[in-house]
């Protein structure tokens, strides 16, 4: 639990998520707004090291230009598929990483 008072901006975002979001996690009461490399910033401009890295989903850092370019290129073709279907990328990714 944070010992300092939350800003009005942070409190607003936390209230919205508490009211409308799923309650499957107990996140730290910090409202992130942006990230770059190993850092993330909250809605009040405070900088943090991102040691959690999206539970290893973001261990390459935030907003790397090559990754952003690849994301945009793929999103212009096919943004997301349900796991109820196959797609032309998953098998190759699994082969490389497993």
PDB file of N, CA and C in Angstrom:
ATOM      1  N   UNK A   1       0.846  -1.185   0.000  1.00  0.00           N
ATOM      2  CA  UNK A   1       0.000   0.000   0.000  1.00  0.00           C
ATOM      3  C   UNK A   1       0.886   1.240   0.000  1.00  0.00           C
ATOM      4  N   UNK A   2       0.531   2.222  -0.774  1.00  0.00           N
ATOM      5  CA  UNK A   2       1.286   3.471  -0.812  1.00  0.00           C
ATOM      6  C   UNK A   2       1.002   4.295   0.437  1.00  0.00           C
ATOM      7  N   UNK A   3       2.033   4.923   0.952  1.00  0.00           N
ATOM      8  CA  UNK A   3       1.844   5.764   2.129  1.00  0.00           C
ATOM      9  C   UNK A   3       1.492   7.191   1.738  1.00  0.00           C
ATOM     10  N   UNK A   4       1.788   7.577   0.512  1.00  0.00           N
ATOM     11  CA  UNK A   4       1.460   8.932   0.081  1.00  0.00           C
ATOM     12  C   UNK A   4       0.045   8.975  -0.493  1.00  0.00           C
ATOM     13  N   UNK A   5      -0.565  10.141  -0.454  1.00  0.00           N
ATOM     14  CA  UNK A   5      -1.909  10.317  -1.000  1.00  0.00           C
ATOM     15  C   UNK A   5      -1.859  10.236  -2.521  1.00  0.00           C
ATOM     16  N   UNK A   6      -2.894   9.675  -3.103  1.00  0.00           N
ATOM     17  CA  UNK A   6      -2.980   9.605  -4.563  1.00  0.00           C
ATOM     18  C   UNK A   6      -3.369  10.963  -5.126  1.00  0.00           C
ATOM     19  N   UNK A   7      -2.854  11.270  -6.304  1.00  0.00           N
ATOM     20  CA  UNK A   7      -3.260  12.505  -6.969  1.00  0.00           C
ATOM     21  C   UNK A   7      -4.708  12.351  -7.434  1.00  0.00           C
ATOM     22  N   UNK A   8      -5.324  13.458  -7.745  1.00  0.00           N
ATOM     23  CA  UNK A   8      -6.708  13.440  -8.241  1.00  0.00           C
ATOM     24  C   UNK A   8      -6.796  12.653  -9.550  1.00  0.00           C
ATOM     25  N   UNK A   9      -5.797  12.816 -10.426  1.00  0.00           N
ATOM     26  CA  UNK A   9      -5.764  12.083 -11.698  1.00  0.00           C
ATOM     27  C   UNK A   9      -5.715  10.580 -11.456  1.00  0.00           C
ATOM     28  N   UNK A  10      -4.787  10.158 -10.595  1.00  0.00           N
ATOM     29  CA  UNK A  10      -4.644   8.723 -10.310  1.00  0.00           C
ATOM     30  C   UNK A  10      -5.915   8.176  -9.680  1.00  0.00           C
ATOM     31  N   UNK A  11      -6.453   8.884  -8.700  1.00  0.00           N
ATOM     32  CA  UNK A  11      -7.673   8.438  -8.024  1.00  0.00           C
ATOM     33  C   UNK A  11      -8.823   8.273  -9.012  1.00  0.00           C
ATOM     34  N   UNK A  12      -8.933   9.185  -9.976  1.00  0.00           N
ATOM     35  CA  UNK A  12      -9.985   9.111 -10.994  1.00  0.00           C
ATOM     36  C   UNK A  12      -9.870   7.812 -11.802  1.00  0.00           C
ATOM     37  N   UNK A  13      -8.662   7.513 -12.283  1.00  0.00           N
ATOM     38  CA  UNK A  13      -8.456   6.310 -13.091  1.00  0.00           C
ATOM     39  C   UNK A  13      -8.685   5.039 -12.271  1.00  0.00           C
ATOM     40  N   UNK A  14      -8.224   5.035 -11.032  1.00  0.00           N
ATOM     41  CA  UNK A  14      -8.426   3.869 -10.174  1.00  0.00           C
ATOM     42  C   UNK A  14      -9.908   3.643  -9.885  1.00  0.00           C
ATOM     43  N   UNK A  15     -10.646   4.724  -9.669  1.00  0.00           N
ATOM     44  CA  UNK A  15     -12.086   4.620  -9.417  1.00  0.00           C
ATOM     45  C   UNK A  15     -12.822   4.055 -10.635  1.00  0.00           C
ATOM     46  N   UNK A  16     -12.471   4.549 -11.828  1.00  0.00           N
ATOM     47  CA  UNK A  16     -13.109   4.038 -13.051  1.00  0.00           C
ATOM     48  C   UNK A  16     -12.856   2.547 -13.216  1.00  0.00           C
ATOM     49  N   UNK A  17     -11.611   2.136 -13.004  1.00  0.00           N
ATOM     50  CA  UNK A  17     -11.286   0.729 -13.177  1.00  0.00           C
ATOM     51  C   UNK A  17     -11.948  -0.137 -12.112  1.00  0.00           C
ATOM     52  N   UNK A  18     -12.013   0.369 -10.886  1.00  0.00           N
ATOM     53  CA  UNK A  18     -12.674  -0.379  -9.819  1.00  0.00           C
ATOM     54  C   UNK A  18     -14.156  -0.564 -10.119  1.00  0.00           C
ATOM     55  N   UNK A  19     -14.777   0.475 -10.655  1.00  0.00           N
ATOM     56  CA  UNK A  19     -16.216   0.432 -10.935  1.00  0.00           C
ATOM     57  C   UNK A  19     -16.544  -0.424 -12.154  1.00  0.00           C
ATOM     58  N   UNK A  20     -15.716  -0.351 -13.203  1.00  0.00           N
ATOM     59  CA  UNK A  20     -16.065  -0.970 -14.478  1.00  0.00           C
ATOM     60  C   UNK A  20     -15.192  -2.153 -14.880  1.00  0.00           C
ATOM     61  N   UNK A  21     -14.084  -2.369 -14.206  1.00  0.00           N
ATOM     62  CA  UNK A  21     -13.139  -3.403 -14.627  1.00  0.00           C
ATOM     63  C   UNK A  21     -13.359  -4.737 -13.932  1.00  0.00           C
ATOM     64  N   UNK A  22     -12.689  -5.753 -14.450  1.00  0.00           N
ATOM     65  CA  UNK A  22     -12.699  -7.077 -13.834  1.00  0.00           C
ATOM     66  C   UNK A  22     -11.775  -7.050 -12.615  1.00  0.00           C
ATOM     67  N   UNK A  23     -12.145  -7.746 -11.588  1.00  0.00           N
ATOM     68  CA  UNK A  23     -11.374  -7.749 -10.342  1.00  0.00           C
ATOM     69  C   UNK A  23     -10.573  -9.039 -10.205  1.00  0.00           C
ATOM     70  N   UNK A  24      -9.716  -9.298 -11.194  1.00  0.00           N
ATOM     71  CA  UNK A  24      -8.927 -10.528 -11.178  1.00  0.00           C
ATOM     72  C   UNK A  24      -7.479 -10.305 -10.754  1.00  0.00           C
ATOM     73  N   UNK A  25      -7.085  -9.082 -10.486  1.00  0.00           N
ATOM     74  CA  UNK A  25      -5.750  -8.758  -9.993  1.00  0.00           C
ATOM     75  C   UNK A  25      -5.884  -7.751  -8.858  1.00  0.00           C
ATOM     76  N   UNK A  26      -4.810  -7.606  -8.107  1.00  0.00           N
ATOM     77  CA  UNK A  26      -4.728  -6.559  -7.086  1.00  0.00           C
ATOM     78  C   UNK A  26      -3.501  -5.710  -7.419  1.00  0.00           C
ATOM     79  N   UNK A  27      -3.630  -4.820  -8.432  1.00  0.00           N
ATOM     80  CA  UNK A  27      -2.465  -4.068  -8.893  1.00  0.00           C
ATOM     81  C   UNK A  27      -2.003  -3.015  -7.890  1.00  0.00           C
ATOM     82  N   UNK A  28      -0.772  -2.602  -8.063  1.00  0.00           N
ATOM     83  CA  UNK A  28      -0.206  -1.501  -7.299  1.00  0.00           C
ATOM     84  C   UNK A  28      -0.970  -0.241  -7.694  1.00  0.00           C
ATOM     85  N   UNK A  29      -1.331   0.623  -6.754  1.00  0.00           N
ATOM     86  CA  UNK A  29      -2.113   1.819  -7.103  1.00  0.00           C
ATOM     87  C   UNK A  29      -1.278   2.913  -7.768  1.00  0.00           C
ATOM     88  N   UNK A  30      -0.723   2.574  -8.923  1.00  0.00           N
ATOM     89  CA  UNK A  30       0.034   3.515  -9.752  1.00  0.00           C
ATOM     90  C   UNK A  30      -0.601   3.457 -11.134  1.00  0.00           C
ATOM     91  N   UNK A  31      -0.972   4.607 -11.696  1.00  0.00           N
ATOM     92  CA  UNK A  31      -1.649   4.662 -12.992  1.00  0.00           C
ATOM     93  C   UNK A  31      -0.633   5.053 -14.061  1.00  0.00           C
ATOM     94  N   UNK A  32      -0.206   4.074 -14.858  1.00  0.00           N
ATOM     95  CA  UNK A  32       0.806   4.316 -15.887  1.00  0.00           C
ATOM     96  C   UNK A  32       0.179   4.917 -17.130  1.00  0.00           C
ATOM     97  N   UNK A  33       0.932   5.804 -17.755  1.00  0.00           N
ATOM     98  CA  UNK A  33       0.454   6.506 -18.940  1.00  0.00           C
ATOM     99  C   UNK A  33       1.323   6.233 -20.166  1.00  0.00           C
ATOM    100  N   UNK A  34       2.636   6.065 -19.968  1.00  0.00           N
ATOM    101  CA  UNK A  34       3.511   5.835 -21.112  1.00  0.00           C
ATOM    102  C   UNK A  34       4.767   5.108 -20.657  1.00  0.00           C
ATOM    103  N   UNK A  35       5.491   4.579 -21.640  1.00  0.00           N
ATOM    104  CA  UNK A  35       6.729   3.894 -21.344  1.00  0.00           C
ATOM    105  C   UNK A  35       7.722   4.073 -22.469  1.00  0.00           C
ATOM    106  N   UNK A  36       9.002   3.985 -22.137  1.00  0.00           N
ATOM    107  CA  UNK A  36      10.066   4.030 -23.137  1.00  0.00           C
ATOM    108  C   UNK A  36      11.266   3.316 -22.539  1.00  0.00           C
ATOM    109  N   UNK A  37      11.745   2.309 -23.265  1.00  0.00           N
ATOM    110  CA  UNK A  37      12.876   1.542 -22.770  1.00  0.00           C
ATOM    111  C   UNK A  37      12.542   0.849 -21.462  1.00  0.00           C
ATOM    112  N   UNK A  38      13.364   1.066 -20.438  1.00  0.00           N
ATOM    113  CA  UNK A  38      13.161   0.411 -19.143  1.00  0.00           C
ATOM    114  C   UNK A  38      12.293   1.240 -18.202  1.00  0.00           C
ATOM    115  N   UNK A  39      11.821   2.392 -18.653  1.00  0.00           N
ATOM    116  CA  UNK A  39      11.069   3.291 -17.785  1.00  0.00           C
ATOM    117  C   UNK A  39       9.594   3.353 -18.169  1.00  0.00           C
ATOM    118  N   UNK A  40       8.755   3.638 -17.163  1.00  0.00           N
ATOM    119  CA  UNK A  40       7.346   3.967 -17.362  1.00  0.00           C
ATOM    120  C   UNK A  40       7.066   5.230 -16.553  1.00  0.00           C
ATOM    121  N   UNK A  41       6.051   5.996 -16.981  1.00  0.00           N
ATOM    122  CA  UNK A  41       5.668   7.223 -16.298  1.00  0.00           C
ATOM    123  C   UNK A  41       4.199   7.130 -15.918  1.00  0.00           C
ATOM    124  N   UNK A  42       3.874   7.681 -14.744  1.00  0.00           N
ATOM    125  CA  UNK A  42       2.473   7.687 -14.333  1.00  0.00           C
ATOM    126  C   UNK A  42       1.779   8.939 -14.867  1.00  0.00           C
ATOM    127  N   UNK A  43       0.484   9.064 -14.571  1.00  0.00           N
ATOM    128  CA  UNK A  43      -0.310  10.180 -15.095  1.00  0.00           C
ATOM    129  C   UNK A  43       0.131  11.530 -14.536  1.00  0.00           C
ATOM    130  N   UNK A  44       0.950  11.502 -13.490  1.00  0.00           N
ATOM    131  CA  UNK A  44       1.468  12.747 -12.909  1.00  0.00           C
ATOM    132  C   UNK A  44       2.898  13.049 -13.332  1.00  0.00           C
ATOM    133  N   UNK A  45       3.425  12.243 -14.252  1.00  0.00           N
ATOM    134  CA  UNK A  45       4.760  12.487 -14.768  1.00  0.00           C
ATOM    135  C   UNK A  45       5.892  11.871 -13.958  1.00  0.00           C
ATOM    136  N   UNK A  46       5.571  11.100 -12.921  1.00  0.00           N
ATOM    137  CA  UNK A  46       6.614  10.459 -12.110  1.00  0.00           C
ATOM    138  C   UNK A  46       7.171   9.256 -12.860  1.00  0.00           C
ATOM    139  N   UNK A  47       8.516   9.155 -12.904  1.00  0.00           N
ATOM    140  CA  UNK A  47       9.186   8.092 -13.649  1.00  0.00           C
ATOM    141  C   UNK A  47       9.515   6.920 -12.721  1.00  0.00           C
ATOM    142  N   UNK A  48       9.318   5.696 -13.246  1.00  0.00           N
ATOM    143  CA  UNK A  48       9.627   4.468 -12.518  1.00  0.00           C
ATOM    144  C   UNK A  48      10.439   3.550 -13.420  1.00  0.00           C
ATOM    145  N   UNK A  49      11.284   2.709 -12.842  1.00  0.00           N
ATOM    146  CA  UNK A  49      11.843   1.583 -13.573  1.00  0.00           C
ATOM    147  C   UNK A  49      10.745   0.539 -13.695  1.00  0.00           C
ATOM    148  N   UNK A  50      10.607  -0.075 -14.860  1.00  0.00           N
ATOM    149  CA  UNK A  50       9.613  -1.137 -15.033  1.00  0.00           C
ATOM    150  C   UNK A  50      10.273  -2.480 -14.739  1.00  0.00           C
ATOM    151  N   UNK A  51      10.321  -2.844 -13.482  1.00  0.00           N
ATOM    152  CA  UNK A  51      10.920  -4.122 -13.101  1.00  0.00           C
ATOM    153  C   UNK A  51       9.948  -5.290 -13.284  1.00  0.00           C
ATOM    154  N   UNK A  52       8.667  -5.028 -13.477  1.00  0.00           N
ATOM    155  CA  UNK A  52       7.701  -6.116 -13.673  1.00  0.00           C
ATOM    156  C   UNK A  52       7.648  -6.570 -15.119  1.00  0.00           C
ATOM    157  N   UNK A  53       7.886  -5.677 -16.047  1.00  0.00           N
ATOM    158  CA  UNK A  53       7.914  -6.000 -17.482  1.00  0.00           C
ATOM    159  C   UNK A  53       6.700  -6.780 -17.943  1.00  0.00           C
ATOM    160  N   UNK A  54       5.520  -6.398 -17.501  1.00  0.00           N
ATOM    161  CA  UNK A  54       4.301  -7.081 -17.950  1.00  0.00           C
ATOM    162  C   UNK A  54       4.382  -8.573 -17.705  1.00  0.00           C
ATOM    163  N   UNK A  55       4.915  -8.974 -16.540  1.00  0.00           N
ATOM    164  CA  UNK A  55       5.110 -10.391 -16.209  1.00  0.00           C
ATOM    165  C   UNK A  55       5.854 -11.098 -17.329  1.00  0.00           C
ATOM    166  N   UNK A  56       6.900 -10.505 -17.826  1.00  0.00           N
ATOM    167  CA  UNK A  56       7.815 -10.983 -18.865  1.00  0.00           C
ATOM    168  C   UNK A  56       7.289 -10.782 -20.275  1.00  0.00           C
ATOM    169  N   UNK A  57       6.106 -10.247 -20.434  1.00  0.00           N
ATOM    170  CA  UNK A  57       5.581  -9.995 -21.778  1.00  0.00           C
ATOM    171  C   UNK A  57       6.224  -8.769 -22.415  1.00  0.00           C
ATOM    172  N   UNK A  58       6.840  -7.924 -21.628  1.00  0.00           N
ATOM    173  CA  UNK A  58       7.464  -6.705 -22.148  1.00  0.00           C
ATOM    174  C   UNK A  58       8.928  -6.613 -21.764  1.00  0.00           C
ATOM    175  N   UNK A  59       9.611  -7.733 -21.659  1.00  0.00           N
ATOM    176  CA  UNK A  59      10.992  -7.683 -21.198  1.00  0.00           C
ATOM    177  C   UNK A  59      11.950  -7.059 -22.207  1.00  0.00           C
ATOM    178  N   UNK A  60      11.490  -6.698 -23.397  1.00  0.00           N
ATOM    179  CA  UNK A  60      12.328  -6.013 -24.381  1.00  0.00           C
ATOM    180  C   UNK A  60      12.291  -4.506 -24.170  1.00  0.00           C
ATOM    181  N   UNK A  61      11.510  -4.017 -23.211  1.00  0.00           N
ATOM    182  CA  UNK A  61      11.368  -2.584 -22.977  1.00  0.00           C
ATOM    183  C   UNK A  61      10.136  -2.046 -23.691  1.00  0.00           C
ATOM    184  N   UNK A  62       9.909  -0.776 -23.550  1.00  0.00           N
ATOM    185  CA  UNK A  62       8.718  -0.142 -24.113  1.00  0.00           C
ATOM    186  C   UNK A  62       9.075   0.668 -25.355  1.00  0.00           C
ATOM    187  N   UNK A  63       8.233   0.567 -26.367  1.00  0.00           N
ATOM    188  CA  UNK A  63       8.269   1.431 -27.558  1.00  0.00           C
ATOM    189  C   UNK A  63       9.562   1.329 -28.356  1.00  0.00           C
ATOM    190  N   UNK A  64      10.140   0.146 -28.442  1.00  0.00           N
ATOM    191  CA  UNK A  64      11.331  -0.029 -29.274  1.00  0.00           C
ATOM    192  C   UNK A  64      10.910   0.194 -30.730  1.00  0.00           C
ATOM    193  N   UNK A  65      11.621   1.027 -31.480  1.00  0.00           N
ATOM    194  CA  UNK A  65      11.190   1.387 -32.836  1.00  0.00           C
ATOM    195  C   UNK A  65      11.000   0.196 -33.780  1.00  0.00           C
ATOM    196  N   UNK A  66      11.875  -0.807 -33.734  1.00  0.00           N
ATOM    197  CA  UNK A  66      11.725  -1.970 -34.624  1.00  0.00           C
ATOM    198  C   UNK A  66      10.481  -2.773 -34.270  1.00  0.00           C
ATOM    199  N   UNK A  67      10.195  -2.883 -32.989  1.00  0.00           N
ATOM    200  CA  UNK A  67       9.009  -3.631 -32.568  1.00  0.00           C
ATOM    201  C   UNK A  67       7.743  -2.867 -32.937  1.00  0.00           C
ATOM    202  N   UNK A  68       7.743  -1.553 -32.741  1.00  0.00           N
ATOM    203  CA  UNK A  68       6.592  -0.731 -33.122  1.00  0.00           C
ATOM    204  C   UNK A  68       6.336  -0.840 -34.620  1.00  0.00           C
ATOM    205  N   UNK A  69       7.402  -0.774 -35.436  1.00  0.00           N
ATOM    206  CA  UNK A  69       7.232  -0.892 -36.891  1.00  0.00           C
ATOM    207  C   UNK A  69       6.649  -2.246 -37.273  1.00  0.00           C
ATOM    208  N   UNK A  70       7.142  -3.320 -36.641  1.00  0.00           N
ATOM    209  CA  UNK A  70       6.616  -4.655 -36.928  1.00  0.00           C
ATOM    210  C   UNK A  70       5.159  -4.763 -36.486  1.00  0.00           C
ATOM    211  N   UNK A  71       4.829  -4.169 -35.351  1.00  0.00           N
ATOM    212  CA  UNK A  71       3.454  -4.195 -34.852  1.00  0.00           C
ATOM    213  C   UNK A  71       2.510  -3.484 -35.821  1.00  0.00           C
ATOM    214  N   UNK A  72       2.898  -2.302 -36.270  1.00  0.00           N
ATOM    215  CA  UNK A  72       2.065  -1.536 -37.202  1.00  0.00           C
ATOM    216  C   UNK A  72       1.905  -2.302 -38.514  1.00  0.00           C
ATOM    217  N   UNK A  73       2.999  -2.846 -39.034  1.00  0.00           N
ATOM    218  CA  UNK A  73       2.939  -3.604 -40.287  1.00  0.00           C
ATOM    219  C   UNK A  73       1.977  -4.785 -40.169  1.00  0.00           C
ATOM    220  N   UNK A  74       2.065  -5.533 -39.068  1.00  0.00           N
ATOM    221  CA  UNK A  74       1.175  -6.678 -38.885  1.00  0.00           C
ATOM    222  C   UNK A  74      -0.267  -6.231 -38.651  1.00  0.00           C
ATOM    223  N   UNK A  75      -0.461  -5.177 -37.848  1.00  0.00           N
ATOM    224  CA  UNK A  75      -1.812  -4.703 -37.538  1.00  0.00           C
ATOM    225  C   UNK A  75      -2.535  -4.217 -38.790  1.00  0.00           C
ATOM    226  N   UNK A  76      -1.782  -3.777 -39.790  1.00  0.00           N
ATOM    227  CA  UNK A  76      -2.404  -3.345 -41.045  1.00  0.00           C
ATOM    228  C   UNK A  76      -2.850  -4.539 -41.890  1.00  0.00           C
ATOM    229  N   UNK A  77      -2.348  -5.733 -41.570  1.00  0.00           N
ATOM    230  CA  UNK A  77      -2.756  -6.952 -42.276  1.00  0.00           C
ATOM    231  C   UNK A  77      -3.847  -7.694 -41.507  1.00  0.00           C
ATOM    232  N   UNK A  78      -3.570  -7.988 -40.243  1.00  0.00           N
ATOM    233  CA  UNK A  78      -4.485  -8.736 -39.378  1.00  0.00           C
ATOM    234  C   UNK A  78      -4.114  -8.393 -37.948  1.00  0.00           C
ATOM    235  N   UNK A  79      -5.027  -7.752 -37.240  1.00  0.00           N
ATOM    236  CA  UNK A  79      -4.715  -7.247 -35.908  1.00  0.00           C
ATOM    237  C   UNK A  79      -4.675  -8.335 -34.858  1.00  0.00           C
ATOM    238  N   UNK A  80      -5.692  -9.164 -34.807  1.00  0.00           N
ATOM    239  CA  UNK A  80      -5.795 -10.171 -33.760  1.00  0.00           C
ATOM    240  C   UNK A  80      -6.716 -11.276 -34.229  1.00  0.00           C
ATOM    241  N   UNK A  81      -6.394 -12.500 -33.856  1.00  0.00           N
ATOM    242  CA  UNK A  81      -7.317 -13.603 -34.132  1.00  0.00           C
ATOM    243  C   UNK A  81      -7.636 -14.308 -32.821  1.00  0.00           C
ATOM    244  N   UNK A  82      -8.823 -14.795 -32.713  1.00  0.00           N
ATOM    245  CA  UNK A  82      -9.212 -15.618 -31.577  1.00  0.00           C
ATOM    246  C   UNK A  82      -8.449 -16.923 -31.639  1.00  0.00           C
ATOM    247  N   UNK A  83      -8.200 -17.547 -30.494  1.00  0.00           N
ATOM    248  CA  UNK A  83      -7.558 -18.856 -30.484  1.00  0.00           C
ATOM    249  C   UNK A  83      -8.500 -19.933 -31.000  1.00  0.00           C
ATOM    250  N   UNK A  84      -9.736 -19.548 -31.334  1.00  0.00           N
ATOM    251  CA  UNK A  84     -10.670 -20.481 -31.967  1.00  0.00           C
ATOM    252  C   UNK A  84     -10.276 -20.731 -33.424  1.00  0.00           C
ATOM    253  N   UNK A  85      -9.352 -19.926 -33.949  1.00  0.00           N
ATOM    254  CA  UNK A  85      -8.840 -20.064 -35.306  1.00  0.00           C
ATOM    255  C   UNK A  85      -7.330 -20.260 -35.266  1.00  0.00           C
ATOM    256  N   UNK A  86      -6.767 -20.740 -36.342  1.00  0.00           N
ATOM    257  CA  UNK A  86      -5.328 -20.742 -36.542  1.00  0.00           C
ATOM    258  C   UNK A  86      -4.965 -19.471 -37.294  1.00  0.00           C
ATOM    259  N   UNK A  87      -3.701 -19.083 -37.234  1.00  0.00           N
ATOM    260  CA  UNK A  87      -3.234 -17.982 -38.071  1.00  0.00           C
ATOM    261  C   UNK A  87      -1.847 -18.339 -38.600  1.00  0.00           C
ATOM    262  N   UNK A  88      -1.359 -17.546 -39.533  1.00  0.00           N
ATOM    263  CA  UNK A  88      -0.107 -17.874 -40.211  1.00  0.00           C
ATOM    264  C   UNK A  88       1.144 -17.466 -39.430  1.00  0.00           C
ATOM    265  N   UNK A  89       1.033 -17.008 -38.214  1.00  0.00           N
ATOM    266  CA  UNK A  89       2.184 -16.563 -37.430  1.00  0.00           C
ATOM    267  C   UNK A  89       2.483 -17.452 -36.219  1.00  0.00           C
ATOM    268  N   UNK A  90       1.468 -17.996 -35.567  1.00  0.00           N
ATOM    269  CA  UNK A  90       1.646 -18.670 -34.290  1.00  0.00           C
ATOM    270  C   UNK A  90       2.609 -19.858 -34.347  1.00  0.00           C
ATOM    271  N   UNK A  91       2.480 -20.713 -35.329  1.00  0.00           N
ATOM    272  CA  UNK A  91       3.349 -21.884 -35.425  1.00  0.00           C
ATOM    273  C   UNK A  91       4.812 -21.515 -35.512  1.00  0.00           C
ATOM    274  N   UNK A  92       5.113 -20.530 -36.324  1.00  0.00           N
ATOM    275  CA  UNK A  92       6.494 -20.085 -36.468  1.00  0.00           C
ATOM    276  C   UNK A  92       7.039 -19.460 -35.195  1.00  0.00           C
ATOM    277  N   UNK A  93       6.207 -18.691 -34.518  1.00  0.00           N
ATOM    278  CA  UNK A  93       6.631 -18.084 -33.250  1.00  0.00           C
ATOM    279  C   UNK A  93       6.884 -19.173 -32.218  1.00  0.00           C
ATOM    280  N   UNK A  94       6.012 -20.165 -32.141  1.00  0.00           N
ATOM    281  CA  UNK A  94       6.193 -21.264 -31.188  1.00  0.00           C
ATOM    282  C   UNK A  94       7.466 -22.049 -31.508  1.00  0.00           C
ATOM    283  N   UNK A  95       7.742 -22.270 -32.780  1.00  0.00           N
ATOM    284  CA  UNK A  95       8.920 -23.010 -33.191  1.00  0.00           C
ATOM    285  C   UNK A  95      10.194 -22.272 -32.761  1.00  0.00           C
ATOM    286  N   UNK A  96      10.214 -20.987 -32.907  1.00  0.00           N
ATOM    287  CA  UNK A  96      11.377 -20.170 -32.575  1.00  0.00           C
ATOM    288  C   UNK A  96      11.604 -20.126 -31.061  1.00  0.00           C
ATOM    289  N   UNK A  97      10.537 -20.014 -30.289  1.00  0.00           N
ATOM    290  CA  UNK A  97      10.659 -19.738 -28.869  1.00  0.00           C
ATOM    291  C   UNK A  97      10.540 -20.956 -27.967  1.00  0.00           C
ATOM    292  N   UNK A  98      10.180 -22.120 -28.493  1.00  0.00           N
ATOM    293  CA  UNK A  98      10.005 -23.281 -27.614  1.00  0.00           C
ATOM    294  C   UNK A  98      10.861 -24.436 -28.019  1.00  0.00           C
TER     295      UNK A  98
END
